[in-house]
Amino acid sequence: MIYVTGERVQAYQVRSAVFDTRWRGLDPVQVHDYLRRVADEMDRLHRELTTARTESERVRQALRQWQSRHNGCRRRGHDG
């Protein structure tokens, strides 16, 4: 059974989802195939997000270093 807890859904939760059966319900094979595809996409997006966050932090640190090295450049240029 799927429960909504307000927490982020993880790919493994999608893969292991179990549904109650009902008369004339959905095709379980189709449902599980779709859930597998959704979970795979969640994994891919999570990897992309992790990569983007890492790159963002690298750029942020490089900008801080650049600003530290060039902090006085503007002031000198305007003063003289």
PDB file of N, CA and C in Angstrom:
ATOM      1  N   MET A   1       0.849  -1.177   0.000  1.00  0.00           N
ATOM      2  CA  MET A   1       0.000   0.000   0.000  1.00  0.00           C
ATOM      3  C   MET A   1       0.894   1.240   0.000  1.00  0.00           C
ATOM      4  N   ILE A   2       0.481   2.276  -0.682  1.00  0.00           N
ATOM      5  CA  ILE A   2       1.223   3.534  -0.733  1.00  0.00           C
ATOM      6  C   ILE A   2       0.638   4.488   0.307  1.00  0.00           C
ATOM      7  N   TYR A   3       1.527   5.071   1.090  1.00  0.00           N
ATOM      8  CA  TYR A   3       1.111   6.045   2.083  1.00  0.00           C
ATOM      9  C   TYR A   3       1.779   7.372   1.786  1.00  0.00           C
ATOM     10  N   VAL A   4       1.045   8.450   1.904  1.00  0.00           N
ATOM     11  CA  VAL A   4       1.602   9.785   1.701  1.00  0.00           C
ATOM     12  C   VAL A   4       2.015  10.310   3.065  1.00  0.00           C
ATOM     13  N   THR A   5       3.315  10.585   3.224  1.00  0.00           N
ATOM     14  CA  THR A   5       3.824  11.009   4.524  1.00  0.00           C
ATOM     15  C   THR A   5       4.277  12.459   4.528  1.00  0.00           C
ATOM     16  N   GLY A   6       4.287  13.106   3.369  1.00  0.00           N
ATOM     17  CA  GLY A   6       4.787  14.465   3.296  1.00  0.00           C
ATOM     18  C   GLY A   6       6.280  14.515   3.044  1.00  0.00           C
ATOM     19  N   GLU A   7       6.949  13.370   3.099  1.00  0.00           N
ATOM     20  CA  GLU A   7       8.374  13.313   2.801  1.00  0.00           C
ATOM     21  C   GLU A   7       8.557  13.091   1.304  1.00  0.00           C
ATOM     22  N   ARG A   8       9.772  13.375   0.829  1.00  0.00           N
ATOM     23  CA  ARG A   8      10.065  13.139  -0.576  1.00  0.00           C
ATOM     24  C   ARG A   8      10.009  11.649  -0.876  1.00  0.00           C
ATOM     25  N   VAL A   9       9.449  11.320  -2.005  1.00  0.00           N
ATOM     26  CA  VAL A   9       9.368   9.928  -2.434  1.00  0.00           C
ATOM     27  C   VAL A   9      10.705   9.542  -3.047  1.00  0.00           C
ATOM     28  N   GLN A  10      11.220   8.419  -2.635  1.00  0.00           N
ATOM     29  CA  GLN A  10      12.486   7.912  -3.140  1.00  0.00           C
ATOM     30  C   GLN A  10      12.215   6.852  -4.211  1.00  0.00           C
ATOM     31  N   ALA A  11      13.182   6.683  -5.111  1.00  0.00           N
ATOM     32  CA  ALA A  11      13.021   5.724  -6.213  1.00  0.00           C
ATOM     33  C   ALA A  11      12.759   4.312  -5.694  1.00  0.00           C
ATOM     34  N   TYR A  12      13.454   3.924  -4.634  1.00  0.00           N
ATOM     35  CA  TYR A  12      13.248   2.562  -4.122  1.00  0.00           C
ATOM     36  C   TYR A  12      11.816   2.380  -3.614  1.00  0.00           C
ATOM     37  N   GLN A  13      11.194   3.464  -3.133  1.00  0.00           N
ATOM     38  CA  GLN A  13       9.808   3.372  -2.673  1.00  0.00           C
ATOM     39  C   GLN A  13       8.863   3.158  -3.849  1.00  0.00           C
ATOM     40  N   VAL A  14       9.165   3.807  -4.967  1.00  0.00           N
ATOM     41  CA  VAL A  14       8.342   3.616  -6.165  1.00  0.00           C
ATOM     42  C   VAL A  14       8.485   2.185  -6.658  1.00  0.00           C
ATOM     43  N   ARG A  15       9.728   1.689  -6.672  1.00  0.00           N
ATOM     44  CA  ARG A  15       9.959   0.325  -7.153  1.00  0.00           C
ATOM     45  C   ARG A  15       9.273  -0.731  -6.274  1.00  0.00           C
ATOM     46  N   SER A  16       9.167  -0.461  -4.990  1.00  0.00           N
ATOM     47  CA  SER A  16       8.613  -1.468  -4.088  1.00  0.00           C
ATOM     48  C   SER A  16       7.138  -1.227  -3.744  1.00  0.00           C
ATOM     49  N   ALA A  17       6.506  -0.290  -4.440  1.00  0.00           N
ATOM     50  CA  ALA A  17       5.107   0.022  -4.159  1.00  0.00           C
ATOM     51  C   ALA A  17       4.221  -1.202  -4.392  1.00  0.00           C
ATOM     52  N   VAL A  18       3.316  -1.407  -3.489  1.00  0.00           N
ATOM     53  CA  VAL A  18       2.361  -2.507  -3.587  1.00  0.00           C
ATOM     54  C   VAL A  18       0.969  -1.896  -3.518  1.00  0.00           C
ATOM     55  N   PHE A  19       0.104  -2.352  -4.396  1.00  0.00           N
ATOM     56  CA  PHE A  19      -1.255  -1.822  -4.452  1.00  0.00           C
ATOM     57  C   PHE A  19      -2.250  -2.919  -4.118  1.00  0.00           C
ATOM     58  N   ASP A  20      -3.354  -2.507  -3.536  1.00  0.00           N
ATOM     59  CA  ASP A  20      -4.436  -3.445  -3.300  1.00  0.00           C
ATOM     60  C   ASP A  20      -5.041  -3.835  -4.647  1.00  0.00           C
ATOM     61  N   THR A  21      -5.521  -5.066  -4.750  1.00  0.00           N
ATOM     62  CA  THR A  21      -6.173  -5.494  -5.982  1.00  0.00           C
ATOM     63  C   THR A  21      -7.668  -5.264  -5.872  1.00  0.00           C
ATOM     64  N   ARG A  22      -8.229  -4.918  -6.979  1.00  0.00           N
ATOM     65  CA  ARG A  22      -9.667  -4.676  -7.055  1.00  0.00           C
ATOM     66  C   ARG A  22     -10.206  -5.410  -8.278  1.00  0.00           C
ATOM     67  N   TRP A  23     -11.448  -5.731  -8.209  1.00  0.00           N
ATOM     68  CA  TRP A  23     -12.105  -6.348  -9.347  1.00  0.00           C
ATOM     69  C   TRP A  23     -12.038  -5.388 -10.524  1.00  0.00           C
ATOM     70  N   ARG A  24     -11.620  -5.902 -11.676  1.00  0.00           N
ATOM     71  CA  ARG A  24     -11.482  -5.107 -12.894  1.00  0.00           C
ATOM     72  C   ARG A  24     -10.477  -3.972 -12.733  1.00  0.00           C
ATOM     73  N   GLY A  25      -9.456  -4.215 -11.943  1.00  0.00           N
ATOM     74  CA  GLY A  25      -8.426  -3.205 -11.712  1.00  0.00           C
ATOM     75  C   GLY A  25      -7.477  -3.071 -12.891  1.00  0.00           C
ATOM     76  N   LEU A  26      -6.448  -2.290 -12.683  1.00  0.00           N
ATOM     77  CA  LEU A  26      -5.444  -2.057 -13.707  1.00  0.00           C
ATOM     78  C   LEU A  26      -4.561  -3.287 -13.885  1.00  0.00           C
ATOM     79  N   ASP A  27      -3.937  -3.391 -15.030  1.00  0.00           N
ATOM     80  CA  ASP A  27      -3.024  -4.490 -15.310  1.00  0.00           C
ATOM     81  C   ASP A  27      -1.784  -4.312 -14.439  1.00  0.00           C
ATOM     82  N   PRO A  28      -1.532  -5.233 -13.511  1.00  0.00           N
ATOM     83  CA  PRO A  28      -0.402  -5.077 -12.598  1.00  0.00           C
ATOM     84  C   PRO A  28       0.949  -5.039 -13.309  1.00  0.00           C
ATOM     85  N   VAL A  29       1.086  -5.738 -14.411  1.00  0.00           N
ATOM     86  CA  VAL A  29       2.349  -5.722 -15.152  1.00  0.00           C
ATOM     87  C   VAL A  29       2.603  -4.324 -15.711  1.00  0.00           C
ATOM     88  N   GLN A  30       1.566  -3.710 -16.285  1.00  0.00           N
ATOM     89  CA  GLN A  30       1.713  -2.357 -16.809  1.00  0.00           C
ATOM     90  C   GLN A  30       2.023  -1.365 -15.696  1.00  0.00           C
ATOM     91  N   VAL A  31       1.354  -1.505 -14.585  1.00  0.00           N
ATOM     92  CA  VAL A  31       1.576  -0.596 -13.453  1.00  0.00           C
ATOM     93  C   VAL A  31       3.021  -0.724 -12.966  1.00  0.00           C
ATOM     94  N   HIS A  32       3.501  -1.927 -12.779  1.00  0.00           N
ATOM     95  CA  HIS A  32       4.863  -2.121 -12.276  1.00  0.00           C
ATOM     96  C   HIS A  32       5.920  -1.685 -13.300  1.00  0.00           C
ATOM     97  N   ASP A  33       5.648  -1.913 -14.578  1.00  0.00           N
ATOM     98  CA  ASP A  33       6.566  -1.425 -15.612  1.00  0.00           C
ATOM     99  C   ASP A  33       6.650   0.094 -15.573  1.00  0.00           C
ATOM    100  N   TYR A  34       5.503   0.736 -15.436  1.00  0.00           N
ATOM    101  CA  TYR A  34       5.484   2.197 -15.377  1.00  0.00           C
ATOM    102  C   TYR A  34       6.200   2.701 -14.119  1.00  0.00           C
ATOM    103  N   LEU A  35       5.936   2.083 -12.990  1.00  0.00           N
ATOM    104  CA  LEU A  35       6.598   2.492 -11.751  1.00  0.00           C
ATOM    105  C   LEU A  35       8.107   2.303 -11.851  1.00  0.00           C
ATOM    106  N   ARG A  36       8.554   1.237 -12.507  1.00  0.00           N
ATOM    107  CA  ARG A  36       9.984   1.027 -12.713  1.00  0.00           C
ATOM    108  C   ARG A  36      10.578   2.161 -13.546  1.00  0.00           C
ATOM    109  N   ARG A  37       9.871   2.557 -14.601  1.00  0.00           N
ATOM    110  CA  ARG A  37      10.351   3.659 -15.445  1.00  0.00           C
ATOM    111  C   ARG A  37      10.398   4.965 -14.660  1.00  0.00           C
ATOM    112  N   VAL A  38       9.384   5.209 -13.843  1.00  0.00           N
ATOM    113  CA  VAL A  38       9.365   6.422 -13.018  1.00  0.00           C
ATOM    114  C   VAL A  38      10.538   6.409 -12.040  1.00  0.00           C
ATOM    115  N   ALA A  39      10.785   5.272 -11.401  1.00  0.00           N
ATOM    116  CA  ALA A  39      11.885   5.161 -10.446  1.00  0.00           C
ATOM    117  C   ALA A  39      13.228   5.354 -11.141  1.00  0.00           C
ATOM    118  N   ASP A  40      13.389   4.803 -12.335  1.00  0.00           N
ATOM    119  CA  ASP A  40      14.629   4.996 -13.094  1.00  0.00           C
ATOM    120  C   ASP A  40      14.839   6.471 -13.419  1.00  0.00           C
ATOM    121  N   GLU A  41      13.779   7.145 -13.806  1.00  0.00           N
ATOM    122  CA  GLU A  41      13.863   8.579 -14.102  1.00  0.00           C
ATOM    123  C   GLU A  41      14.198   9.372 -12.840  1.00  0.00           C
ATOM    124  N   MET A  42      13.629   8.987 -11.716  1.00  0.00           N
ATOM    125  CA  MET A  42      13.951   9.655 -10.447  1.00  0.00           C
ATOM    126  C   MET A  42      15.424   9.489 -10.123  1.00  0.00           C
ATOM    127  N   ASP A  43      15.958   8.292 -10.326  1.00  0.00           N
ATOM    128  CA  ASP A  43      17.390   8.046 -10.094  1.00  0.00           C
ATOM    129  C   ASP A  43      18.241   8.930 -10.999  1.00  0.00           C
ATOM    130  N   ARG A  44      17.873   9.010 -12.280  1.00  0.00           N
ATOM    131  CA  ARG A  44      18.626   9.826 -13.236  1.00  0.00           C
ATOM    132  C   ARG A  44      18.599  11.299 -12.833  1.00  0.00           C
ATOM    133  N   LEU A  45      17.433  11.788 -12.478  1.00  0.00           N
ATOM    134  CA  LEU A  45      17.308  13.188 -12.074  1.00  0.00           C
ATOM    135  C   LEU A  45      18.079  13.471 -10.787  1.00  0.00           C
ATOM    136  N   HIS A  46      18.079  12.516  -9.874  1.00  0.00           N
ATOM    137  CA  HIS A  46      18.839  12.690  -8.639  1.00  0.00           C
ATOM    138  C   HIS A  46      20.336  12.791  -8.936  1.00  0.00           C
ATOM    139  N   ARG A  47      20.819  11.950  -9.834  1.00  0.00           N
ATOM    140  CA  ARG A  47      22.230  12.020 -10.227  1.00  0.00           C
ATOM    141  C   ARG A  47      22.543  13.365 -10.876  1.00  0.00           C
ATOM    142  N   GLU A  48      21.669  13.834 -11.765  1.00  0.00           N
ATOM    143  CA  GLU A  48      21.877  15.129 -12.418  1.00  0.00           C
ATOM    144  C   GLU A  48      21.872  16.262 -11.398  1.00  0.00           C
ATOM    145  N   LEU A  49      20.966  16.192 -10.434  1.00  0.00           N
ATOM    146  CA  LEU A  49      20.896  17.221  -9.407  1.00  0.00           C
ATOM    147  C   LEU A  49      22.163  17.239  -8.563  1.00  0.00           C
ATOM    148  N   THR A  50      22.645  16.074  -8.202  1.00  0.00           N
ATOM    149  CA  THR A  50      23.883  15.983  -7.422  1.00  0.00           C
ATOM    150  C   THR A  50      25.044  16.583  -8.204  1.00  0.00           C
ATOM    151  N   THR A  51      25.132  16.262  -9.491  1.00  0.00           N
ATOM    152  CA  THR A  51      26.187  16.819 -10.347  1.00  0.00           C
ATOM    153  C   THR A  51      26.062  18.331 -10.439  1.00  0.00           C
ATOM    154  N   ALA A  52      24.853  18.833 -10.628  1.00  0.00           N
ATOM    155  CA  ALA A  52      24.632  20.278 -10.741  1.00  0.00           C
ATOM    156  C   ALA A  52      24.984  20.991  -9.441  1.00  0.00           C
ATOM    157  N   ARG A  53      24.641  20.408  -8.313  1.00  0.00           N
ATOM    158  CA  ARG A  53      24.981  21.020  -7.025  1.00  0.00           C
ATOM    159  C   ARG A  53      26.494  21.066  -6.828  1.00  0.00           C
ATOM    160  N   THR A  54      27.180  19.992  -7.208  1.00  0.00           N
ATOM    161  CA  THR A  54      28.640  19.944  -7.089  1.00  0.00           C
ATOM    162  C   THR A  54      29.271  21.017  -7.968  1.00  0.00           C
ATOM    163  N   GLU A  55      28.811  21.118  -9.198  1.00  0.00           N
ATOM    164  CA  GLU A  55      29.341  22.124 -10.119  1.00  0.00           C
ATOM    165  C   GLU A  55      29.029  23.530  -9.626  1.00  0.00           C
ATOM    166  N   SER A  56      27.852  23.734  -9.110  1.00  0.00           N
ATOM    167  CA  SER A  56      27.465  25.040  -8.575  1.00  0.00           C
ATOM    168  C   SER A  56      28.375  25.448  -7.424  1.00  0.00           C
ATOM    169  N   GLU A  57      28.669  24.517  -6.551  1.00  0.00           N
ATOM    170  CA  GLU A  57      29.553  24.809  -5.425  1.00  0.00           C
ATOM    171  C   GLU A  57      30.972  25.107  -5.911  1.00  0.00           C
ATOM    172  N   ARG A  58      31.431  24.367  -6.915  1.00  0.00           N
ATOM    173  CA  ARG A  58      32.756  24.622  -7.477  1.00  0.00           C
ATOM    174  C   ARG A  58      32.830  26.032  -8.067  1.00  0.00           C
ATOM    175  N   VAL A  59      31.808  26.429  -8.816  1.00  0.00           N
ATOM    176  CA  VAL A  59      31.773  27.764  -9.412  1.00  0.00           C
ATOM    177  C   VAL A  59      31.695  28.828  -8.322  1.00  0.00           C
ATOM    178  N   ARG A  60      30.893  28.592  -7.304  1.00  0.00           N
ATOM    179  CA  ARG A  60      30.761  29.537  -6.194  1.00  0.00           C
ATOM    180  C   ARG A  60      32.114  29.755  -5.500  1.00  0.00           C
ATOM    181  N   GLN A  61      32.835  28.664  -5.249  1.00  0.00           N
ATOM    182  CA  GLN A  61      34.145  28.777  -4.607  1.00  0.00           C
ATOM    183  C   GLN A  61      35.138  29.497  -5.510  1.00  0.00           C
ATOM    184  N   ALA A  62      35.116  29.221  -6.809  1.00  0.00           N
ATOM    185  CA  ALA A  62      36.010  29.902  -7.748  1.00  0.00           C
ATOM    186  C   ALA A  62      35.702  31.396  -7.782  1.00  0.00           C
ATOM    187  N   LEU A  63      34.433  31.749  -7.736  1.00  0.00           N
ATOM    188  CA  LEU A  63      34.060  33.164  -7.726  1.00  0.00           C
ATOM    189  C   LEU A  63      34.553  33.845  -6.453  1.00  0.00           C
ATOM    190  N   ARG A  64      34.399  33.174  -5.318  1.00  0.00           N
ATOM    191  CA  ARG A  64      34.898  33.743  -4.061  1.00  0.00           C
ATOM    192  C   ARG A  64      36.412  33.969  -4.120  1.00  0.00           C
ATOM    193  N   GLN A  65      37.131  32.990  -4.658  1.00  0.00           N
ATOM    194  CA  GLN A  65      38.582  33.136  -4.785  1.00  0.00           C
ATOM    195  C   GLN A  65      38.935  34.292  -5.707  1.00  0.00           C
ATOM    196  N   TRP A  66      38.235  34.402  -6.822  1.00  0.00           N
ATOM    197  CA  TRP A  66      38.490  35.486  -7.768  1.00  0.00           C
ATOM    198  C   TRP A  66      38.209  36.840  -7.102  1.00  0.00           C
ATOM    199  N   GLN A  67      37.084  36.912  -6.375  1.00  0.00           N
ATOM    200  CA  GLN A  67      36.736  38.165  -5.699  1.00  0.00           C
ATOM    201  C   GLN A  67      37.780  38.530  -4.662  1.00  0.00           C
ATOM    202  N   SER A  68      38.287  37.537  -3.937  1.00  0.00           N
ATOM    203  CA  SER A  68      39.312  37.804  -2.931  1.00  0.00           C
ATOM    204  C   SER A  68      40.587  38.341  -3.573  1.00  0.00           C
ATOM    205  N   ARG A  69      40.993  37.767  -4.679  1.00  0.00           N
ATOM    206  CA  ARG A  69      42.214  38.220  -5.353  1.00  0.00           C
ATOM    207  C   ARG A  69      42.051  39.593  -5.987  1.00  0.00           C
ATOM    208  N   HIS A  70      40.845  39.929  -6.421  1.00  0.00           N
ATOM    209  CA  HIS A  70      40.617  41.172  -7.151  1.00  0.00           C
ATOM    210  C   HIS A  70      39.838  42.200  -6.341  1.00  0.00           C
ATOM    211  N   ASN A  71      39.741  41.984  -5.060  1.00  0.00           N
ATOM    212  CA  ASN A  71      38.941  42.867  -4.211  1.00  0.00           C
ATOM    213  C   ASN A  71      39.451  44.303  -4.263  1.00  0.00           C
ATOM    214  N   GLY A  72      40.741  44.507  -4.209  1.00  0.00           N
ATOM    215  CA  GLY A  72      41.291  45.854  -4.205  1.00  0.00           C
ATOM    216  C   GLY A  72      41.421  46.482  -5.573  1.00  0.00           C
ATOM    217  N   CYS A  73      41.273  45.735  -6.641  1.00  0.00           N
ATOM    218  CA  CYS A  73      41.489  46.248  -7.996  1.00  0.00           C
ATOM    219  C   CYS A  73      40.548  47.403  -8.328  1.00  0.00           C
ATOM    220  N   ARG A  74      39.294  47.285  -8.005  1.00  0.00           N
ATOM    221  CA  ARG A  74      38.336  48.349  -8.324  1.00  0.00           C
ATOM    222  C   ARG A  74      38.656  49.620  -7.548  1.00  0.00           C
ATOM    223  N   ARG A  75      38.959  49.460  -6.283  1.00  0.00           N
ATOM    224  CA  ARG A  75      39.232  50.632  -5.455  1.00  0.00           C
ATOM    225  C   ARG A  75      40.468  51.378  -5.960  1.00  0.00           C
ATOM    226  N   ARG A  76      41.506  50.661  -6.290  1.00  0.00           N
ATOM    227  CA  ARG A  76      42.727  51.296  -6.804  1.00  0.00           C
ATOM    228  C   ARG A  76      42.463  51.997  -8.113  1.00  0.00           C
ATOM    229  N   GLY A  77      41.676  51.384  -8.960  1.00  0.00           N
ATOM    230  CA  GLY A  77      41.383  51.976 -10.254  1.00  0.00           C
ATOM    231  C   GLY A  77      40.593  53.258 -10.150  1.00  0.00           C
ATOM    232  N   HIS A  78      39.717  53.354  -9.147  1.00  0.00           N
ATOM    233  CA  HIS A  78      38.906  54.573  -8.973  1.00  0.00           C
ATOM    234  C   HIS A  78      39.643  55.636  -8.197  1.00  0.00           C
ATOM    235  N   ASP A  79      40.558  55.258  -7.318  1.00  0.00           N
ATOM    236  CA  ASP A  79      41.261  56.220  -6.481  1.00  0.00           C
ATOM    237  C   ASP A  79      42.370  56.938  -7.239  1.00  0.00           C
ATOM    238  N   GLY A  80      42.978  56.312  -8.217  1.00  0.00           N
ATOM    239  CA  GLY A  80      44.169  56.870  -8.822  1.00  0.00           C
ATOM    240  C   GLY A  80      43.905  57.332 -10.170  1.00  0.00           C
TER     241      GLY A  80
END
